[in-house]
Amino acid sequence: MKKELLIIGITLVLLAVSLSGCLDTSKEDELRGLGYSNTVYGFGLNPPSGWTTDESGLMGSIVIFYGPTEDNFTVNVFVTAGQLETGETLSDSVEEVIEFYTNYFTNFSLLSSNVRIVNGMTAHEIIYTYLQGVNNLKQKQVMVEKSRKTIILTYSAIVSSYDNYLSVFDQSVGSIVII
């Protein structure tokens, strides 16, 4: 009887281990087929086609996608991650970001702030302008949240060329998967 219980116990442990391996693999499978994935932060997306990928961690980024240079500024998408605190909502976090930007950026002007759904996940989008050195920049920042984890994508361009690459940014945002 002891031998049979031991065999059943070992079988159950092996089954649990193999199932947990399948579960982890299935989560990572959600990221396969995307142009960029990061299993450490648990997300993936299709970056703008032909843009350069930089995972150096520059300025706290997870990844930066660099596009064309126009008006002496390289259009880019800057990606970071965060975690909502207990009791904090995505809207709370966005309000804090806007307050920070108001005090940090020169000539900060909030153009819009909207809640939206991205791939079935709650997201908050803000669009704003500010002055960085001699450059008048326009940014669109989309904070996508799943299970209290946030992935923040920020598209930056000179105001005059902002519309030229907005659709490729929106396509990248629309492809995001968070596991």
N, C-alpha and C. Protein backbone atom coordinates (compact mmCIF):
# COMPACT_ATOMS: atom_id res chain seq x y z
N MET A 1 0.82 -1.19 0.00
CA MET A 1 0.00 0.00 0.00
C MET A 1 0.87 1.26 0.00
N LYS A 2 1.95 1.28 0.82
CA LYS A 2 2.83 2.44 0.88
C LYS A 2 3.48 2.67 -0.49
N LYS A 3 3.86 1.56 -1.15
CA LYS A 3 4.51 1.67 -2.45
C LYS A 3 3.54 2.28 -3.48
N GLU A 4 2.28 1.85 -3.45
CA GLU A 4 1.28 2.39 -4.37
C GLU A 4 1.04 3.88 -4.13
N LEU A 5 0.96 4.29 -2.85
CA LEU A 5 0.78 5.70 -2.53
C LEU A 5 1.98 6.53 -2.99
N LEU A 6 3.17 5.98 -2.83
CA LEU A 6 4.38 6.66 -3.28
C LEU A 6 4.37 6.84 -4.80
N ILE A 7 3.98 5.82 -5.51
CA ILE A 7 3.91 5.90 -6.99
C ILE A 7 2.86 6.93 -7.41
N ILE A 8 1.70 6.90 -6.76
CA ILE A 8 0.64 7.88 -7.07
C ILE A 8 1.14 9.29 -6.76
N GLY A 9 1.80 9.48 -5.63
CA GLY A 9 2.33 10.79 -5.25
C GLY A 9 3.35 11.30 -6.25
N ILE A 10 4.27 10.43 -6.65
CA ILE A 10 5.29 10.82 -7.62
C ILE A 10 4.65 11.16 -8.96
N THR A 11 3.66 10.38 -9.36
CA THR A 11 2.95 10.63 -10.62
C THR A 11 2.26 11.98 -10.58
N LEU A 12 1.60 12.30 -9.45
CA LEU A 12 0.92 13.59 -9.33
C LEU A 12 1.91 14.75 -9.37
N VAL A 13 3.05 14.59 -8.71
CA VAL A 13 4.08 15.63 -8.73
C VAL A 13 4.59 15.83 -10.16
N LEU A 14 4.89 14.74 -10.85
CA LEU A 14 5.38 14.84 -12.24
C LEU A 14 4.33 15.47 -13.15
N LEU A 15 3.07 15.13 -12.94
CA LEU A 15 1.99 15.71 -13.73
C LEU A 15 1.88 17.21 -13.47
N ALA A 16 1.97 17.61 -12.21
CA ALA A 16 1.89 19.03 -11.85
C ALA A 16 3.05 19.81 -12.46
N VAL A 17 4.26 19.23 -12.39
CA VAL A 17 5.43 19.89 -12.96
C VAL A 17 5.29 20.03 -14.47
N SER A 18 4.83 18.98 -15.13
CA SER A 18 4.69 19.06 -16.59
C SER A 18 3.59 20.04 -16.98
N LEU A 19 2.50 20.10 -16.21
CA LEU A 19 1.44 21.06 -16.51
C LEU A 19 1.90 22.50 -16.27
N SER A 20 2.67 22.73 -15.21
CA SER A 20 3.16 24.09 -14.97
C SER A 20 4.09 24.52 -16.08
N GLY A 21 4.86 23.61 -16.61
CA GLY A 21 5.72 23.91 -17.76
C GLY A 21 4.89 24.27 -18.97
N CYS A 22 3.77 23.58 -19.17
CA CYS A 22 2.88 23.89 -20.29
C CYS A 22 2.25 25.25 -20.12
N LEU A 23 1.88 25.60 -18.89
CA LEU A 23 1.26 26.89 -18.66
C LEU A 23 2.22 28.02 -18.96
N ASP A 24 3.48 27.89 -18.51
CA ASP A 24 4.47 28.92 -18.78
C ASP A 24 4.71 29.05 -20.27
N THR A 25 4.80 27.91 -20.95
CA THR A 25 5.04 27.92 -22.39
C THR A 25 3.87 28.56 -23.12
N SER A 26 2.64 28.27 -22.68
CA SER A 26 1.49 28.84 -23.38
C SER A 26 1.48 30.37 -23.23
N LYS A 27 1.90 30.89 -22.06
CA LYS A 27 1.98 32.34 -21.90
C LYS A 27 3.02 32.92 -22.86
N GLU A 28 4.17 32.28 -22.95
CA GLU A 28 5.20 32.76 -23.86
C GLU A 28 4.78 32.59 -25.31
N ASP A 29 3.94 31.56 -25.59
CA ASP A 29 3.43 31.37 -26.95
C ASP A 29 2.63 32.58 -27.41
N GLU A 30 1.96 33.27 -26.48
CA GLU A 30 1.19 34.46 -26.84
C GLU A 30 2.09 35.54 -27.43
N LEU A 31 3.37 35.53 -27.05
CA LEU A 31 4.30 36.55 -27.52
C LEU A 31 5.00 36.15 -28.82
N ARG A 32 5.00 34.85 -29.12
CA ARG A 32 5.65 34.39 -30.36
C ARG A 32 4.89 34.94 -31.56
N GLY A 33 5.60 35.25 -32.57
CA GLY A 33 4.98 35.77 -33.78
C GLY A 33 4.89 37.29 -33.79
N LEU A 34 5.18 37.91 -32.65
CA LEU A 34 5.23 39.37 -32.62
C LEU A 34 6.63 39.81 -32.99
N GLY A 35 6.77 40.99 -33.55
CA GLY A 35 8.07 41.47 -33.99
C GLY A 35 9.04 41.73 -32.86
N TYR A 36 8.52 42.01 -31.66
CA TYR A 36 9.35 42.25 -30.49
C TYR A 36 8.65 41.64 -29.28
N SER A 37 9.42 40.91 -28.47
CA SER A 37 8.85 40.41 -27.21
C SER A 37 9.90 40.49 -26.12
N ASN A 38 9.40 40.63 -24.90
CA ASN A 38 10.27 40.72 -23.73
C ASN A 38 9.64 39.86 -22.64
N THR A 39 10.20 38.68 -22.40
CA THR A 39 9.63 37.76 -21.41
C THR A 39 9.90 38.22 -19.98
N VAL A 40 10.94 39.02 -19.77
CA VAL A 40 11.22 39.54 -18.43
C VAL A 40 10.07 40.44 -17.96
N TYR A 41 9.62 41.32 -18.84
CA TYR A 41 8.52 42.23 -18.51
C TYR A 41 7.16 41.70 -18.96
N GLY A 42 7.15 40.58 -19.68
CA GLY A 42 5.90 39.92 -20.05
C GLY A 42 5.04 40.68 -21.04
N PHE A 43 5.65 41.14 -22.12
CA PHE A 43 4.86 41.81 -23.16
C PHE A 43 5.53 41.65 -24.51
N GLY A 44 4.76 41.90 -25.54
CA GLY A 44 5.28 41.90 -26.90
C GLY A 44 4.40 42.79 -27.76
N LEU A 45 4.95 43.17 -28.91
CA LEU A 45 4.21 44.00 -29.86
C LEU A 45 4.90 43.94 -31.21
N ASN A 46 4.25 44.48 -32.21
CA ASN A 46 4.87 44.64 -33.52
C ASN A 46 5.36 46.07 -33.63
N PRO A 47 6.68 46.27 -33.59
CA PRO A 47 7.21 47.64 -33.69
C PRO A 47 7.05 48.17 -35.11
N PRO A 48 7.20 49.47 -35.28
CA PRO A 48 7.14 50.02 -36.64
C PRO A 48 8.18 49.36 -37.54
N SER A 49 7.75 48.96 -38.70
CA SER A 49 8.60 48.26 -39.65
C SER A 49 9.80 49.10 -40.07
N GLY A 50 10.99 48.48 -39.99
CA GLY A 50 12.22 49.14 -40.42
C GLY A 50 12.86 50.04 -39.39
N TRP A 51 12.22 50.21 -38.25
CA TRP A 51 12.80 51.07 -37.21
C TRP A 51 13.85 50.29 -36.44
N THR A 52 14.83 50.97 -35.90
CA THR A 52 15.92 50.37 -35.14
C THR A 52 15.47 50.08 -33.70
N THR A 53 15.89 48.93 -33.16
CA THR A 53 15.55 48.53 -31.80
C THR A 53 16.75 48.74 -30.89
N ASP A 54 16.53 49.42 -29.76
CA ASP A 54 17.59 49.69 -28.79
C ASP A 54 17.14 49.20 -27.42
N GLU A 55 17.78 48.14 -26.92
CA GLU A 55 17.47 47.59 -25.61
C GLU A 55 18.56 47.90 -24.58
N SER A 56 19.24 49.02 -24.77
CA SER A 56 20.35 49.38 -23.88
C SER A 56 19.90 49.84 -22.49
N GLY A 57 18.61 50.14 -22.34
CA GLY A 57 18.12 50.64 -21.06
C GLY A 57 18.28 52.14 -20.91
N LEU A 58 18.58 52.82 -22.00
CA LEU A 58 18.77 54.26 -21.99
C LEU A 58 17.60 54.96 -21.31
N MET A 59 17.89 55.81 -20.36
CA MET A 59 16.91 56.60 -19.62
C MET A 59 15.80 55.75 -18.99
N GLY A 60 16.15 54.54 -18.56
CA GLY A 60 15.19 53.69 -17.88
C GLY A 60 14.23 52.95 -18.80
N SER A 61 14.52 52.95 -20.08
CA SER A 61 13.63 52.28 -21.04
C SER A 61 13.82 50.76 -20.98
N ILE A 62 12.79 50.06 -21.40
CA ILE A 62 12.91 48.63 -21.68
C ILE A 62 13.44 48.50 -23.10
N VAL A 63 12.82 49.27 -23.99
CA VAL A 63 13.23 49.28 -25.40
C VAL A 63 12.83 50.63 -25.99
N ILE A 64 13.64 51.07 -26.95
CA ILE A 64 13.31 52.27 -27.73
C ILE A 64 13.38 51.86 -29.20
N PHE A 65 12.35 52.23 -29.95
CA PHE A 65 12.34 52.00 -31.39
C PHE A 65 12.58 53.36 -32.05
N TYR A 66 13.68 53.43 -32.84
CA TYR A 66 14.05 54.68 -33.51
C TYR A 66 13.62 54.63 -34.97
N GLY A 67 12.94 55.69 -35.39
CA GLY A 67 12.49 55.82 -36.77
C GLY A 67 13.34 56.83 -37.51
N PRO A 68 12.75 57.44 -38.52
CA PRO A 68 13.49 58.41 -39.33
C PRO A 68 13.84 59.68 -38.55
N THR A 69 14.84 60.39 -39.04
CA THR A 69 15.20 61.69 -38.49
C THR A 69 14.61 62.76 -39.39
N GLU A 70 13.82 63.64 -38.77
CA GLU A 70 13.22 64.76 -39.49
C GLU A 70 13.43 66.02 -38.66
N ASP A 71 13.79 67.10 -39.31
CA ASP A 71 14.03 68.37 -38.62
C ASP A 71 15.03 68.21 -37.47
N ASN A 72 16.08 67.40 -37.70
CA ASN A 72 17.14 67.16 -36.72
C ASN A 72 16.66 66.47 -35.45
N PHE A 73 15.55 65.74 -35.53
CA PHE A 73 15.04 64.97 -34.39
C PHE A 73 14.67 63.58 -34.89
N THR A 74 15.11 62.55 -34.15
CA THR A 74 14.79 61.18 -34.53
C THR A 74 13.47 60.77 -33.87
N VAL A 75 12.49 60.50 -34.71
CA VAL A 75 11.19 60.04 -34.26
C VAL A 75 11.40 58.73 -33.50
N ASN A 76 10.70 58.54 -32.38
CA ASN A 76 10.94 57.33 -31.59
C ASN A 76 9.71 56.90 -30.80
N VAL A 77 9.76 55.63 -30.40
CA VAL A 77 8.77 55.06 -29.47
C VAL A 77 9.57 54.52 -28.30
N PHE A 78 9.30 55.05 -27.13
CA PHE A 78 10.01 54.75 -25.88
C PHE A 78 9.08 53.87 -25.04
N VAL A 79 9.56 52.70 -24.59
CA VAL A 79 8.70 51.77 -23.85
C VAL A 79 9.26 51.52 -22.45
N THR A 80 8.41 51.68 -21.45
CA THR A 80 8.75 51.41 -20.06
C THR A 80 7.63 50.57 -19.44
N ALA A 81 7.84 50.16 -18.21
CA ALA A 81 6.83 49.36 -17.50
C ALA A 81 6.67 49.89 -16.09
N GLY A 82 5.52 49.60 -15.53
CA GLY A 82 5.25 49.99 -14.16
C GLY A 82 4.29 49.01 -13.51
N GLN A 83 4.03 49.25 -12.26
CA GLN A 83 3.11 48.42 -11.48
C GLN A 83 2.23 49.35 -10.67
N LEU A 84 0.93 49.19 -10.78
CA LEU A 84 0.02 50.01 -9.98
C LEU A 84 0.11 49.59 -8.53
N GLU A 85 0.14 50.57 -7.65
CA GLU A 85 0.17 50.30 -6.21
C GLU A 85 -1.20 49.80 -5.75
N THR A 86 -1.25 49.15 -4.61
CA THR A 86 -2.51 48.70 -4.04
C THR A 86 -3.43 49.90 -3.86
N GLY A 87 -4.65 49.78 -4.37
CA GLY A 87 -5.63 50.84 -4.26
C GLY A 87 -5.50 51.92 -5.33
N GLU A 88 -4.43 51.91 -6.10
CA GLU A 88 -4.23 52.91 -7.15
C GLU A 88 -4.90 52.44 -8.44
N THR A 89 -5.54 53.36 -9.14
CA THR A 89 -6.12 53.04 -10.45
C THR A 89 -5.22 53.58 -11.55
N LEU A 90 -5.48 53.13 -12.75
CA LEU A 90 -4.74 53.65 -13.90
C LEU A 90 -4.98 55.15 -14.03
N SER A 91 -6.20 55.59 -13.81
CA SER A 91 -6.51 57.03 -13.87
C SER A 91 -5.73 57.82 -12.83
N ASP A 92 -5.58 57.26 -11.62
CA ASP A 92 -4.78 57.92 -10.58
C ASP A 92 -3.34 58.11 -11.07
N SER A 93 -2.80 57.05 -11.65
CA SER A 93 -1.43 57.08 -12.14
C SER A 93 -1.27 58.13 -13.23
N VAL A 94 -2.23 58.21 -14.14
CA VAL A 94 -2.18 59.18 -15.22
C VAL A 94 -2.23 60.60 -14.67
N GLU A 95 -3.07 60.85 -13.69
CA GLU A 95 -3.14 62.18 -13.06
C GLU A 95 -1.80 62.58 -12.47
N GLU A 96 -1.11 61.62 -11.83
CA GLU A 96 0.22 61.90 -11.26
C GLU A 96 1.22 62.22 -12.36
N VAL A 97 1.15 61.49 -13.47
CA VAL A 97 2.06 61.72 -14.60
C VAL A 97 1.83 63.12 -15.17
N ILE A 98 0.57 63.49 -15.38
CA ILE A 98 0.26 64.81 -15.93
C ILE A 98 0.75 65.91 -14.99
N GLU A 99 0.55 65.74 -13.71
CA GLU A 99 1.03 66.73 -12.74
C GLU A 99 2.55 66.86 -12.80
N PHE A 100 3.23 65.72 -12.88
CA PHE A 100 4.68 65.73 -12.99
C PHE A 100 5.12 66.46 -14.26
N TYR A 101 4.53 66.10 -15.40
CA TYR A 101 4.90 66.73 -16.67
C TYR A 101 4.67 68.24 -16.64
N THR A 102 3.57 68.65 -16.01
CA THR A 102 3.25 70.07 -15.92
C THR A 102 4.37 70.84 -15.24
N ASN A 103 4.97 70.23 -14.23
CA ASN A 103 6.05 70.88 -13.48
C ASN A 103 7.44 70.64 -14.07
N TYR A 104 7.60 69.59 -14.86
CA TYR A 104 8.91 69.19 -15.35
C TYR A 104 9.22 69.73 -16.74
N PHE A 105 8.26 69.63 -17.67
CA PHE A 105 8.50 70.01 -19.06
C PHE A 105 8.27 71.52 -19.26
N THR A 106 9.12 72.13 -20.07
CA THR A 106 8.96 73.53 -20.44
C THR A 106 7.80 73.67 -21.42
N ASN A 107 6.90 74.61 -21.15
CA ASN A 107 5.74 74.88 -22.01
C ASN A 107 4.85 73.66 -22.22
N PHE A 108 4.69 72.84 -21.20
CA PHE A 108 3.84 71.65 -21.30
C PHE A 108 2.39 72.07 -21.56
N SER A 109 1.77 71.41 -22.54
CA SER A 109 0.37 71.67 -22.85
C SER A 109 -0.33 70.34 -23.11
N LEU A 110 -1.27 69.98 -22.25
CA LEU A 110 -2.05 68.75 -22.42
C LEU A 110 -3.11 69.00 -23.48
N LEU A 111 -3.08 68.19 -24.55
CA LEU A 111 -4.04 68.35 -25.64
C LEU A 111 -5.26 67.45 -25.47
N SER A 112 -5.04 66.24 -24.95
CA SER A 112 -6.16 65.32 -24.72
C SER A 112 -5.76 64.25 -23.71
N SER A 113 -6.79 63.67 -23.09
CA SER A 113 -6.61 62.59 -22.11
C SER A 113 -7.86 61.72 -22.19
N ASN A 114 -7.67 60.46 -22.61
CA ASN A 114 -8.81 59.57 -22.85
C ASN A 114 -8.55 58.15 -22.38
N VAL A 115 -9.59 57.51 -21.89
CA VAL A 115 -9.54 56.08 -21.59
C VAL A 115 -9.95 55.34 -22.86
N ARG A 116 -9.28 54.24 -23.15
CA ARG A 116 -9.62 53.43 -24.32
C ARG A 116 -9.32 51.97 -24.03
N ILE A 117 -9.70 51.11 -24.92
CA ILE A 117 -9.43 49.67 -24.82
C ILE A 117 -8.43 49.31 -25.90
N VAL A 118 -7.39 48.57 -25.51
CA VAL A 118 -6.37 48.10 -26.45
C VAL A 118 -6.27 46.59 -26.28
N ASN A 119 -6.62 45.85 -27.32
CA ASN A 119 -6.56 44.38 -27.26
C ASN A 119 -7.28 43.83 -26.03
N GLY A 120 -8.41 44.40 -25.69
CA GLY A 120 -9.20 43.93 -24.55
C GLY A 120 -8.69 44.41 -23.20
N MET A 121 -7.66 45.25 -23.18
CA MET A 121 -7.08 45.76 -21.94
C MET A 121 -7.40 47.24 -21.78
N THR A 122 -7.57 47.67 -20.54
CA THR A 122 -7.80 49.08 -20.27
C THR A 122 -6.52 49.86 -20.55
N ALA A 123 -6.67 51.00 -21.19
CA ALA A 123 -5.53 51.86 -21.49
C ALA A 123 -5.95 53.32 -21.29
N HIS A 124 -4.97 54.15 -21.05
CA HIS A 124 -5.21 55.59 -20.95
C HIS A 124 -4.22 56.26 -21.88
N GLU A 125 -4.73 57.19 -22.67
CA GLU A 125 -3.92 57.86 -23.68
C GLU A 125 -3.90 59.35 -23.39
N ILE A 126 -2.69 59.91 -23.41
CA ILE A 126 -2.58 61.36 -23.31
C ILE A 126 -1.75 61.87 -24.48
N ILE A 127 -2.11 63.04 -24.97
CA ILE A 127 -1.37 63.69 -26.04
C ILE A 127 -1.02 65.09 -25.54
N TYR A 128 0.24 65.47 -25.74
CA TYR A 128 0.70 66.75 -25.20
C TYR A 128 1.87 67.27 -26.02
N THR A 129 2.16 68.54 -25.83
CA THR A 129 3.32 69.17 -26.45
C THR A 129 4.18 69.79 -25.35
N TYR A 130 5.45 70.00 -25.67
CA TYR A 130 6.35 70.69 -24.75
C TYR A 130 7.61 71.07 -25.52
N LEU A 131 8.41 71.89 -24.91
CA LEU A 131 9.65 72.35 -25.52
C LEU A 131 10.82 71.60 -24.89
N GLN A 132 11.64 70.99 -25.75
CA GLN A 132 12.85 70.30 -25.29
C GLN A 132 14.02 70.95 -26.02
N GLY A 133 14.76 71.79 -25.32
CA GLY A 133 15.83 72.55 -25.97
C GLY A 133 15.22 73.46 -27.02
N VAL A 134 15.64 73.27 -28.29
CA VAL A 134 15.07 74.06 -29.38
C VAL A 134 13.92 73.35 -30.08
N ASN A 135 13.65 72.11 -29.66
CA ASN A 135 12.63 71.29 -30.33
C ASN A 135 11.26 71.42 -29.67
N ASN A 136 10.25 71.76 -30.47
CA ASN A 136 8.87 71.75 -30.02
C ASN A 136 8.33 70.35 -30.32
N LEU A 137 8.18 69.53 -29.27
CA LEU A 137 7.81 68.13 -29.43
C LEU A 137 6.34 67.90 -29.16
N LYS A 138 5.83 66.86 -29.82
CA LYS A 138 4.48 66.39 -29.55
C LYS A 138 4.60 64.90 -29.23
N GLN A 139 3.95 64.50 -28.15
CA GLN A 139 4.02 63.10 -27.73
C GLN A 139 2.62 62.54 -27.52
N LYS A 140 2.52 61.27 -27.83
CA LYS A 140 1.33 60.50 -27.51
C LYS A 140 1.80 59.36 -26.62
N GLN A 141 1.22 59.29 -25.45
CA GLN A 141 1.62 58.26 -24.49
C GLN A 141 0.41 57.39 -24.20
N VAL A 142 0.60 56.08 -24.35
CA VAL A 142 -0.47 55.13 -24.08
C VAL A 142 0.01 54.20 -22.98
N MET A 143 -0.75 54.17 -21.87
CA MET A 143 -0.44 53.31 -20.73
C MET A 143 -1.46 52.17 -20.75
N VAL A 144 -0.99 50.96 -21.01
CA VAL A 144 -1.86 49.79 -21.11
C VAL A 144 -1.70 48.99 -19.83
N GLU A 145 -2.84 48.59 -19.23
CA GLU A 145 -2.79 47.89 -17.94
C GLU A 145 -3.46 46.53 -18.02
N LYS A 146 -2.78 45.56 -17.43
CA LYS A 146 -3.34 44.21 -17.27
C LYS A 146 -2.83 43.66 -15.95
N SER A 147 -3.76 43.25 -15.11
CA SER A 147 -3.42 42.66 -13.80
C SER A 147 -2.46 43.56 -13.01
N ARG A 148 -2.74 44.87 -13.03
CA ARG A 148 -2.00 45.89 -12.28
C ARG A 148 -0.62 46.20 -12.87
N LYS A 149 -0.23 45.47 -13.91
CA LYS A 149 1.03 45.75 -14.62
C LYS A 149 0.72 46.74 -15.73
N THR A 150 1.58 47.75 -15.89
CA THR A 150 1.39 48.71 -16.97
C THR A 150 2.59 48.71 -17.91
N ILE A 151 2.29 48.77 -19.18
CA ILE A 151 3.31 48.98 -20.20
C ILE A 151 3.01 50.36 -20.78
N ILE A 152 4.01 51.21 -20.80
CA ILE A 152 3.84 52.60 -21.23
C ILE A 152 4.61 52.80 -22.52
N LEU A 153 3.89 53.20 -23.56
CA LEU A 153 4.49 53.46 -24.87
C LEU A 153 4.36 54.95 -25.16
N THR A 154 5.48 55.59 -25.47
CA THR A 154 5.48 57.02 -25.72
C THR A 154 6.06 57.30 -27.10
N TYR A 155 5.26 57.88 -27.96
CA TYR A 155 5.66 58.25 -29.30
C TYR A 155 6.06 59.72 -29.29
N SER A 156 7.26 60.03 -29.81
CA SER A 156 7.77 61.41 -29.81
C SER A 156 8.18 61.84 -31.20
N ALA A 157 7.77 63.06 -31.56
CA ALA A 157 8.16 63.63 -32.84
C ALA A 157 8.11 65.15 -32.74
N ILE A 158 8.79 65.81 -33.66
CA ILE A 158 8.65 67.26 -33.81
C ILE A 158 7.19 67.52 -34.18
N VAL A 159 6.62 68.60 -33.67
CA VAL A 159 5.21 68.90 -33.92
C VAL A 159 4.89 68.84 -35.42
N SER A 160 5.75 69.40 -36.25
CA SER A 160 5.48 69.47 -37.70
C SER A 160 5.49 68.11 -38.39
N SER A 161 6.15 67.09 -37.80
CA SER A 161 6.18 65.76 -38.44
C SER A 161 5.43 64.69 -37.64
N TYR A 162 4.77 65.10 -36.58
CA TYR A 162 4.05 64.17 -35.69
C TYR A 162 3.06 63.29 -36.46
N ASP A 163 2.25 63.88 -37.31
CA ASP A 163 1.22 63.12 -38.03
C ASP A 163 1.81 62.11 -39.02
N ASN A 164 3.06 62.31 -39.45
CA ASN A 164 3.67 61.43 -40.45
C ASN A 164 3.83 59.99 -39.96
N TYR A 165 4.00 59.79 -38.66
CA TYR A 165 4.28 58.45 -38.13
C TYR A 165 3.27 58.01 -37.07
N LEU A 166 2.25 58.79 -36.87
CA LEU A 166 1.24 58.46 -35.86
C LEU A 166 0.56 57.13 -36.15
N SER A 167 0.25 56.84 -37.39
CA SER A 167 -0.47 55.59 -37.72
C SER A 167 0.39 54.36 -37.44
N VAL A 168 1.72 54.43 -37.65
CA VAL A 168 2.57 53.26 -37.36
C VAL A 168 2.69 53.06 -35.85
N PHE A 169 2.69 54.16 -35.10
CA PHE A 169 2.67 54.03 -33.64
C PHE A 169 1.36 53.37 -33.20
N ASP A 170 0.24 53.85 -33.70
CA ASP A 170 -1.06 53.29 -33.32
C ASP A 170 -1.16 51.81 -33.68
N GLN A 171 -0.58 51.40 -34.81
CA GLN A 171 -0.57 49.98 -35.17
C GLN A 171 0.24 49.17 -34.15
N SER A 172 1.37 49.71 -33.72
CA SER A 172 2.19 49.01 -32.72
C SER A 172 1.42 48.87 -31.41
N VAL A 173 0.80 49.95 -30.97
CA VAL A 173 0.01 49.92 -29.73
C VAL A 173 -1.09 48.87 -29.87
N GLY A 174 -1.76 48.85 -31.01
CA GLY A 174 -2.86 47.91 -31.22
C GLY A 174 -2.44 46.45 -31.22
N SER A 175 -1.14 46.19 -31.39
CA SER A 175 -0.66 44.80 -31.43
C SER A 175 -0.15 44.30 -30.08
N ILE A 176 -0.13 45.16 -29.05
CA ILE A 176 0.49 44.79 -27.79
C ILE A 176 -0.23 43.64 -27.10
N VAL A 177 0.57 42.75 -26.54
CA VAL A 177 0.09 41.63 -25.73
C VAL A 177 0.84 41.69 -24.41
N ILE A 178 0.12 41.62 -23.31
CA ILE A 178 0.74 41.57 -21.98
C ILE A 178 0.33 40.25 -21.36
N ILE A 179 1.32 39.51 -20.86
CA ILE A 179 1.00 38.21 -20.22
C ILE A 179 1.19 38.30 -18.72
